[in-house]
Protein backbone atom coordinates (compact mmCIF):
# COMPACT_ATOMS: atom_id res chain seq x y z
CA MET A 1 52.32 33.12 -17.26
CA ALA A 2 49.59 31.15 -15.51
CA ASP A 3 49.67 27.35 -15.55
CA THR A 4 46.61 26.10 -17.49
CA SER A 5 47.68 22.48 -17.76
CA ASN A 6 45.48 21.42 -14.84
CA PRO A 7 42.36 23.61 -14.75
CA LEU A 8 39.86 23.27 -11.92
CA PRO A 9 36.79 21.15 -12.64
CA SER A 10 33.89 23.36 -13.75
CA SER A 11 31.85 22.60 -10.62
CA ALA A 12 34.71 23.72 -8.36
CA SER A 13 35.28 26.99 -10.23
CA GLU A 14 31.60 27.97 -10.55
CA GLU A 15 29.69 29.41 -7.63
CA ALA A 16 26.36 27.87 -6.73
CA THR A 17 23.37 30.23 -6.66
CA VAL A 18 19.79 29.68 -5.57
CA HIS A 19 17.37 28.40 -8.21
CA ILE A 20 13.72 27.37 -8.11
CA ILE A 21 13.06 24.01 -9.79
CA TYR A 22 9.45 23.44 -10.87
CA THR A 23 8.51 19.78 -11.26
CA GLN A 24 5.52 17.71 -12.21
CA LYS A 25 3.50 16.62 -9.20
CA PRO A 26 4.64 13.09 -8.35
CA SER A 27 1.88 10.52 -8.55
CA ASP A 28 3.69 7.57 -7.02
CA GLN A 29 5.68 9.03 -4.11
CA ASP A 30 5.75 11.74 -1.45
CA PRO A 31 6.70 15.18 -2.91
CA ASP A 32 9.61 15.61 -0.47
CA SER A 33 11.07 12.23 -1.48
CA PHE A 34 10.58 13.02 -5.17
CA HIS A 35 12.32 16.39 -4.82
CA ILE A 36 15.27 14.87 -2.93
CA SER A 37 15.69 12.01 -5.43
CA THR A 38 15.48 14.42 -8.39
CA LEU A 39 18.16 16.67 -6.90
CA ALA A 40 20.28 13.67 -5.82
CA SER A 41 20.40 12.45 -9.42
CA VAL A 42 22.39 15.59 -10.29
CA LEU A 43 24.35 16.05 -7.06
CA GLY A 44 25.29 12.39 -6.59
CA SER A 45 23.77 11.55 -3.22
CA GLU A 46 20.74 12.12 -1.02
CA GLU A 47 23.01 13.71 1.60
CA ALA A 48 24.28 16.30 -0.91
CA ALA A 49 20.71 16.93 -2.06
CA LYS A 50 19.50 17.50 1.51
CA GLU A 51 22.35 19.96 2.10
CA ALA A 52 21.68 21.90 -1.13
CA MET A 53 17.88 21.99 -0.87
CA LEU A 54 16.54 25.11 0.78
CA TYR A 55 12.78 24.56 0.54
CA SER A 56 10.31 22.05 -0.91
CA TYR A 57 7.14 23.42 -2.52
CA LYS A 58 4.22 21.00 -2.52
CA HIS A 59 0.89 22.81 -2.13
CA ALA A 60 0.17 25.37 -4.88
CA ALA A 61 2.99 24.05 -7.08
CA SER A 62 5.46 21.20 -7.02
CA GLY A 63 9.14 22.02 -6.86
CA PHE A 64 12.01 23.04 -4.65
CA SER A 65 14.73 25.63 -4.26
CA ALA A 66 18.37 24.66 -4.10
CA LYS A 67 21.86 26.04 -4.57
CA LEU A 68 23.15 24.90 -7.97
CA THR A 69 26.12 25.67 -10.21
CA PRO A 70 25.46 26.57 -13.87
CA GLU A 71 26.44 23.01 -14.91
CA GLN A 72 24.04 21.52 -12.36
CA VAL A 73 21.26 23.83 -13.65
CA SER A 74 21.89 22.49 -17.15
CA GLN A 75 21.74 18.88 -15.96
CA MET A 76 18.63 19.52 -13.86
CA SER A 77 16.81 21.11 -16.80
CA LYS A 78 17.16 17.88 -18.79
CA LEU A 79 15.67 15.55 -16.16
CA PRO A 80 12.28 13.92 -16.70
CA GLY A 81 9.64 15.57 -14.55
CA VAL A 82 11.49 18.90 -14.35
CA LEU A 83 9.37 21.58 -15.96
CA GLN A 84 11.50 24.67 -15.44
CA VAL A 85 14.60 25.89 -13.58
CA VAL A 86 14.76 29.61 -12.84
CA PRO A 87 17.12 31.72 -10.77
CA SER A 88 15.68 32.96 -7.49
CA ARG A 89 15.49 36.74 -7.34
CA THR A 90 14.98 39.22 -4.52
CA PHE A 91 13.07 42.42 -5.16
CA GLN A 92 13.16 45.50 -2.96
CA LEU A 93 9.67 46.86 -2.35
CA HIS A 94 9.29 50.59 -2.98
CA SER A 95 7.42 51.04 0.32
CA GLY A 96 10.57 50.12 2.19
CA THR A 97 8.70 47.54 4.26
CA GLY A 98 10.81 44.58 3.25
CA LYS A 99 11.97 42.27 0.50
CA LEU A 100 10.02 39.99 -1.78
CA HIS A 101 11.67 36.69 -2.79
CA VAL A 102 10.58 34.93 -5.97
């Protein structure tokens, strides 16, 4: 019988996947700084945020992509200024010319 007296913390047992986080456009700071500080509030430090962040969107929309666990997605969704958190998906084009990431 398996020992369940000391289960792993949820963040250690859940795999992080890429999500796109749409945010309000910051009015009082640089978008990159705003995206890092928003992510750091969930991950615990700016260093962890910089490691998890894959891309910062700041022209047509404001947001960023990052690797997050399901628990971190839940926390991120509740932050002020976060409009939506969606999983990143890859689609195979029928023409066979490549992949489309959204």
